[in-house]
Amino acid sequence: MLTDLGLVLAWGTLSAPFPERVAAASAAGFRSIGLMLGEYLTLREQGWSDAQLHAVLDEHGVSINEVEVLFGFAAPSGPAGIAERPGLVYNDPKLEAAAFHLADTFGVPTVQAAGTFADPPASAGAGEAFAGLCDRAAPHGLRVALEFVPYTDISDVSAAAEIVAAADRPNGGLCVDCWHFFRGNPDLVALADVPADKIFMIQINDGPAQPDDPNRRYDAVHNRRLPGDGDFDLMAWLRAMDRPGLAATVSVEVYSDALRQLVPVRAAALAYSSSHGVLTDARATR
């Protein structure tokens, strides 16, 4: 259940170099962060060693709790060709290897996976492909959290839950992002039907009732709001998941141009305080 108010600062919430992001997260009260796999590879190309990254984390008492994203795990490996995500490769063995390395080296417990930017339904082999990814991740102690995204071939909670059930792997579960839940098919009954122990990650944010931009891919990474500053029914969403057996991490993922204009320490503080407040209210009213 939602008894632990330890929060993760997701990669997309704060736009700052790695050392500054870690410092800001720690100052705000976060004890762990998320990391984009591509950023990790870029840091290594820039000359950062794992030991140096460890030193930054240790200095501030912060760990890496999640890495993202393995897109198109059931697709043939190759370029996605998505304008909003230049350079994205589906079923990318380089990113998968990086995720396993981060689990081995930094103790990262969870990697996110997602489908392809195509119309649903997902391919008939998605369950088998997800099982294969989970099996490759298992020797590294890594859980795989499948995220449904309304503009991908795994578009809602029911579709993602079906794939996780078909795979039937102990280290395979769901990532539930409230942005994608409310911007897609906000089926609270289907969400409540997901076994609590199969919800690995909860990503919290907020948004207006009507999108700010008709391009859903653009809107999702520019126009999110801090929890409590939008129109999403976060209490109903949290209540649908808050039950015995739930042991999900709560990650604050607020992709926001407005938040990026603030100095990192201020942005991180707002992300923490707003999310902490919403979760405290949810615990008090369950």
Protein backbone atom coordinates (compact mmCIF):
# COMPACT_ATOMS: atom_id res chain seq x y z
CA MET A 1 0.00 0.00 0.00
CA LEU A 2 1.01 3.66 -0.23
CA THR A 3 2.75 3.62 3.12
CA ASP A 4 6.23 4.73 2.05
CA LEU A 5 6.55 8.34 1.02
CA GLY A 6 10.04 7.85 -0.41
CA LEU A 7 9.89 9.40 -3.87
CA VAL A 8 11.95 8.98 -7.04
CA LEU A 9 12.84 12.02 -9.16
CA ALA A 10 12.25 10.80 -12.70
CA TRP A 11 14.73 11.72 -15.40
CA GLY A 12 12.28 13.88 -17.37
CA THR A 13 11.38 16.22 -14.50
CA LEU A 14 14.67 18.05 -14.19
CA SER A 15 16.80 19.45 -17.00
CA ALA A 16 20.32 19.70 -15.60
CA PRO A 17 23.71 18.02 -15.86
CA PHE A 18 24.02 14.80 -13.86
CA PRO A 19 25.90 16.23 -10.82
CA GLU A 20 23.52 19.18 -10.54
CA ARG A 21 20.48 16.96 -10.89
CA VAL A 22 21.69 14.61 -8.15
CA ALA A 23 22.45 17.52 -5.83
CA ALA A 24 19.07 19.17 -6.45
CA ALA A 25 17.23 15.89 -5.92
CA SER A 26 18.97 15.33 -2.60
CA ALA A 27 18.36 18.89 -1.40
CA ALA A 28 14.64 18.54 -2.18
CA GLY A 29 14.27 15.30 -0.21
CA PHE A 30 14.49 12.68 -2.96
CA ARG A 31 16.65 9.70 -2.13
CA SER A 32 16.69 8.23 -5.62
CA ILE A 33 16.51 9.35 -9.22
CA GLY A 34 15.70 7.95 -12.64
CA LEU A 35 18.16 7.86 -15.50
CA MET A 36 17.67 7.74 -19.25
CA LEU A 37 19.77 4.98 -20.78
CA GLY A 38 20.86 7.27 -23.60
CA GLU A 39 22.09 9.83 -21.09
CA TYR A 40 24.18 7.20 -19.32
CA LEU A 41 25.85 6.22 -22.60
CA THR A 42 26.49 9.90 -23.36
CA LEU A 43 28.06 10.43 -19.94
CA ARG A 44 30.39 7.51 -20.57
CA GLU A 45 31.30 8.92 -24.00
CA GLN A 46 32.08 12.25 -22.31
CA GLY A 47 34.62 10.53 -20.09
CA TRP A 48 32.63 9.81 -16.94
CA SER A 49 33.57 6.51 -15.32
CA ASP A 50 31.17 4.41 -13.28
CA ALA A 51 33.32 5.16 -10.23
CA GLN A 52 32.93 8.91 -10.78
CA LEU A 53 29.16 8.60 -11.17
CA HIS A 54 29.05 6.48 -8.02
CA ALA A 55 31.01 9.16 -6.18
CA VAL A 56 28.46 11.85 -7.10
CA LEU A 57 25.58 9.66 -5.97
CA ASP A 58 27.31 8.68 -2.73
CA GLU A 59 28.20 12.29 -1.91
CA HIS A 60 24.52 13.20 -1.86
CA GLY A 61 23.08 9.95 -0.52
CA VAL A 62 21.14 9.27 -3.74
CA SER A 63 20.66 6.03 -5.67
CA ILE A 64 19.41 5.26 -9.19
CA ASN A 65 16.05 3.53 -8.83
CA GLU A 66 14.87 3.30 -12.44
CA VAL A 67 16.26 3.45 -15.97
CA GLU A 68 14.33 4.05 -19.18
CA VAL A 69 13.22 3.22 -21.84
CA LEU A 70 13.46 0.02 -23.87
CA PHE A 71 11.09 0.86 -26.73
CA GLY A 72 9.72 -1.67 -29.18
CA PHE A 73 10.85 -4.80 -27.35
CA ALA A 74 8.63 -6.93 -29.63
CA ALA A 75 9.62 -5.17 -32.87
CA PRO A 76 12.48 -5.89 -35.25
CA SER A 77 15.58 -4.01 -34.16
CA GLY A 78 16.05 -0.78 -36.10
CA PRO A 79 15.39 2.99 -36.31
CA ALA A 80 11.92 4.09 -35.23
CA GLY A 81 11.76 7.10 -37.55
CA ILE A 82 9.77 9.26 -35.11
CA ALA A 83 10.25 13.02 -35.63
CA GLU A 84 9.79 13.88 -31.95
CA ARG A 85 12.35 11.24 -30.92
CA PRO A 86 15.28 11.48 -33.34
CA GLY A 87 17.70 8.59 -33.08
CA LEU A 88 15.24 6.27 -31.33
CA VAL A 89 15.91 2.62 -32.11
CA TYR A 90 13.39 -0.13 -31.43
CA ASN A 91 14.54 -3.29 -29.66
CA ASP A 92 17.96 -1.70 -29.20
CA PRO A 93 20.55 -4.25 -27.96
CA LYS A 94 22.90 -1.43 -26.93
CA LEU A 95 20.34 0.08 -24.58
CA GLU A 96 19.36 -3.32 -23.23
CA ALA A 97 23.01 -4.09 -22.43
CA ALA A 98 23.34 -0.69 -20.73
CA ALA A 99 20.30 -1.43 -18.56
CA PHE A 100 21.78 -4.75 -17.46
CA HIS A 101 25.13 -3.10 -16.76
CA LEU A 102 23.48 -0.42 -14.62
CA ALA A 103 21.67 -3.09 -12.65
CA ASP A 104 24.93 -4.95 -12.06
CA THR A 105 27.02 -1.85 -11.29
CA PHE A 106 24.60 0.52 -9.53
CA GLY A 107 22.01 -1.89 -8.17
CA VAL A 108 19.24 -0.39 -10.29
CA PRO A 109 16.11 -2.47 -9.59
CA THR A 110 13.79 -1.55 -12.48
CA VAL A 111 13.92 -0.81 -16.19
CA GLN A 112 10.95 0.57 -18.12
CA ALA A 113 9.82 -0.93 -21.41
CA ALA A 114 7.25 0.33 -23.90
CA GLY A 115 5.78 -0.62 -27.25
CA THR A 116 6.17 1.01 -30.65
CA PHE A 117 4.71 4.30 -31.87
CA ALA A 118 2.07 2.53 -33.93
CA ASP A 119 -1.64 1.85 -33.74
CA PRO A 120 -2.81 -0.94 -31.43
CA PRO A 121 -3.10 -3.80 -30.96
CA ALA A 122 0.41 -4.99 -30.17
CA SER A 123 1.80 -7.87 -32.19
CA ALA A 124 0.62 -11.37 -31.38
CA GLY A 125 4.10 -12.17 -30.11
CA ALA A 126 4.28 -9.32 -27.58
CA GLY A 127 3.72 -11.57 -24.57
CA GLU A 128 6.46 -13.96 -25.67
CA ALA A 129 8.82 -11.07 -26.44
CA PHE A 130 8.17 -9.51 -23.04
CA ALA A 131 8.84 -12.87 -21.38
CA GLY A 132 12.14 -13.05 -23.25
CA LEU A 133 13.14 -9.57 -22.09
CA CYS A 134 12.25 -10.47 -18.50
CA ASP A 135 14.29 -13.66 -18.73
CA ARG A 136 17.33 -11.75 -19.99
CA ALA A 137 16.91 -9.19 -17.20
CA ALA A 138 16.43 -11.71 -14.39
CA PRO A 139 20.11 -12.73 -13.93
CA HIS A 140 20.86 -9.06 -13.26
CA GLY A 141 18.23 -8.81 -10.52
CA LEU A 142 16.28 -6.43 -12.75
CA ARG A 143 12.52 -6.02 -12.94
CA VAL A 144 10.88 -4.92 -16.19
CA ALA A 145 8.01 -2.43 -15.87
CA LEU A 146 5.86 -2.27 -19.01
CA GLU A 147 4.44 1.21 -19.58
CA PHE A 148 1.27 1.67 -21.59
CA VAL A 149 1.20 4.84 -23.71
CA PRO A 150 -1.95 5.86 -25.64
CA TYR A 151 -0.09 6.67 -28.86
CA THR A 152 1.73 3.33 -28.97
CA ASP A 153 0.61 -0.18 -29.85
CA ILE A 154 0.27 -0.89 -26.10
CA SER A 155 -2.18 1.89 -25.47
CA ASP A 156 -3.91 1.26 -22.16
CA VAL A 157 -3.75 -0.58 -18.87
CA SER A 158 -5.78 -3.57 -20.11
CA ALA A 159 -3.48 -4.15 -23.08
CA ALA A 160 -0.35 -3.90 -20.93
CA ALA A 161 -1.77 -6.14 -18.20
CA GLU A 162 -2.67 -8.76 -20.81
CA ILE A 163 0.94 -8.85 -22.05
CA VAL A 164 2.33 -9.08 -18.52
CA ALA A 165 -0.09 -11.92 -17.71
CA ALA A 166 0.77 -13.76 -20.93
CA ALA A 167 4.49 -13.47 -20.16
CA ASP A 168 3.90 -14.72 -16.60
CA ARG A 169 7.32 -13.78 -15.28
CA PRO A 170 7.93 -12.84 -11.62
CA ASN A 171 10.10 -9.88 -12.67
CA GLY A 172 7.57 -8.58 -15.20
CA GLY A 173 5.00 -5.96 -14.20
CA LEU A 174 3.51 -2.57 -15.03
CA CYS A 175 4.54 1.06 -14.95
CA VAL A 176 1.40 3.18 -14.45
CA ASP A 177 1.89 6.81 -15.49
CA CYS A 178 -1.12 8.96 -14.68
CA TRP A 179 -0.50 11.17 -17.74
CA HIS A 180 -0.87 8.22 -20.10
CA PHE A 181 -3.75 6.83 -18.04
CA PHE A 182 -5.85 10.00 -18.20
CA ARG A 183 -4.82 10.97 -21.74
CA GLY A 184 -5.78 7.53 -23.01
CA ASN A 185 -8.48 5.19 -21.74
CA PRO A 186 -8.88 6.09 -18.03
CA ASP A 187 -10.46 2.80 -16.94
CA LEU A 188 -10.29 2.77 -13.15
CA VAL A 189 -11.97 -0.65 -12.98
CA ALA A 190 -9.33 -2.19 -15.23
CA LEU A 191 -6.61 -0.54 -13.17
CA ALA A 192 -8.09 -1.90 -9.94
CA ASP A 193 -8.19 -5.37 -11.50
CA VAL A 194 -4.40 -5.46 -12.01
CA PRO A 195 -2.85 -7.61 -9.27
CA ALA A 196 -1.26 -5.24 -6.77
CA ASP A 197 2.07 -7.08 -6.89
CA LYS A 198 2.22 -6.55 -10.66
CA ILE A 199 2.31 -2.76 -10.35
CA PHE A 200 6.04 -2.08 -10.13
CA MET A 201 6.14 1.68 -10.79
CA ILE A 202 3.70 4.55 -10.32
CA GLN A 203 4.53 7.80 -12.12
CA ILE A 204 2.75 10.84 -10.79
CA ASN A 205 2.11 14.21 -12.47
CA ASP A 206 -0.95 16.19 -13.51
CA GLY A 207 -2.47 17.94 -16.48
CA PRO A 208 -5.37 20.03 -17.78
CA ALA A 209 -8.65 18.38 -18.73
CA GLN A 210 -8.02 19.27 -22.38
CA PRO A 211 -4.58 18.88 -23.97
CA ASP A 212 -2.56 22.03 -24.55
CA ASP A 213 -1.28 20.70 -27.87
CA PRO A 214 -3.01 18.34 -30.35
CA ASN A 215 0.27 16.49 -30.96
CA ARG A 216 0.09 13.93 -28.17
CA ARG A 217 3.77 13.00 -28.32
CA TYR A 218 4.76 16.66 -28.06
CA ASP A 219 2.21 17.44 -25.35
CA ALA A 220 3.44 14.60 -23.15
CA VAL A 221 6.99 15.92 -22.94
CA HIS A 222 6.31 19.66 -22.73
CA ASN A 223 3.03 20.39 -20.95
CA ARG A 224 2.68 18.29 -17.83
CA ARG A 225 1.89 19.94 -14.52
CA LEU A 226 2.91 19.34 -10.95
CA PRO A 227 0.64 16.99 -9.00
CA GLY A 228 -2.32 18.96 -7.72
CA ASP A 229 -1.94 21.74 -10.30
CA GLY A 230 -4.10 20.13 -12.97
CA ASP A 231 -7.46 18.47 -13.49
CA PHE A 232 -6.63 14.76 -13.24
CA ASP A 233 -8.52 12.90 -10.51
CA LEU A 234 -5.37 11.76 -8.76
CA MET A 235 -7.23 10.59 -5.66
CA ALA A 236 -9.41 8.15 -7.64
CA TRP A 237 -6.36 6.98 -9.61
CA LEU A 238 -4.33 6.34 -6.48
CA ARG A 239 -7.25 4.65 -4.71
CA ALA A 240 -7.56 2.20 -7.61
CA MET A 241 -4.03 0.98 -6.84
CA ASP A 242 -3.72 1.52 -3.08
CA ARG A 243 -4.41 -1.92 -1.60
CA PRO A 244 -2.63 -4.74 0.19
CA GLY A 245 0.22 -6.16 -1.84
CA LEU A 246 1.13 -2.89 -3.53
CA ALA A 247 4.85 -2.24 -3.21
CA ALA A 248 5.40 0.09 -6.14
CA THR A 249 7.88 2.92 -6.18
CA VAL A 250 6.39 6.37 -6.80
CA SER A 251 8.26 8.36 -9.41
CA VAL A 252 7.62 12.06 -10.01
CA GLU A 253 7.66 12.53 -13.79
CA VAL A 254 6.70 16.07 -14.76
CA TYR A 255 7.87 16.86 -18.28
CA SER A 256 7.20 20.60 -18.27
CA ASP A 257 8.68 23.52 -20.17
CA ALA A 258 7.60 25.80 -17.32
CA LEU A 259 9.40 23.68 -14.73
CA ARG A 260 12.54 23.59 -16.89
CA GLN A 261 12.74 27.39 -16.71
CA LEU A 262 13.36 27.23 -12.96
CA VAL A 263 16.72 26.65 -11.33
CA PRO A 264 17.11 22.90 -10.65
CA VAL A 265 16.96 23.19 -6.85
CA ARG A 266 13.66 25.08 -7.03
CA ALA A 267 12.17 22.73 -9.64
CA ALA A 268 13.11 19.66 -7.61
CA ALA A 269 11.69 21.19 -4.41
CA LEU A 270 8.36 21.89 -6.10
CA ALA A 271 8.25 18.39 -7.59
CA TYR A 272 8.85 16.85 -4.17
CA SER A 273 6.50 19.01 -2.13
CA SER A 274 3.57 18.77 -4.56
CA SER A 275 3.87 14.99 -4.89
CA HIS A 276 4.38 14.46 -1.17
CA GLY A 277 1.25 16.51 -0.50
CA VAL A 278 -0.91 14.52 -2.91
CA LEU A 279 0.32 11.18 -1.54
CA THR A 280 -0.24 12.32 2.04
CA ASP A 281 -3.81 13.29 1.16
CA ALA A 282 -4.36 9.94 -0.55
CA ARG A 283 -3.18 8.06 2.53
CA ALA A 284 -5.40 10.15 4.78
CA THR A 285 -8.55 9.57 2.74
CA ARG A 286 -8.26 5.90 1.79
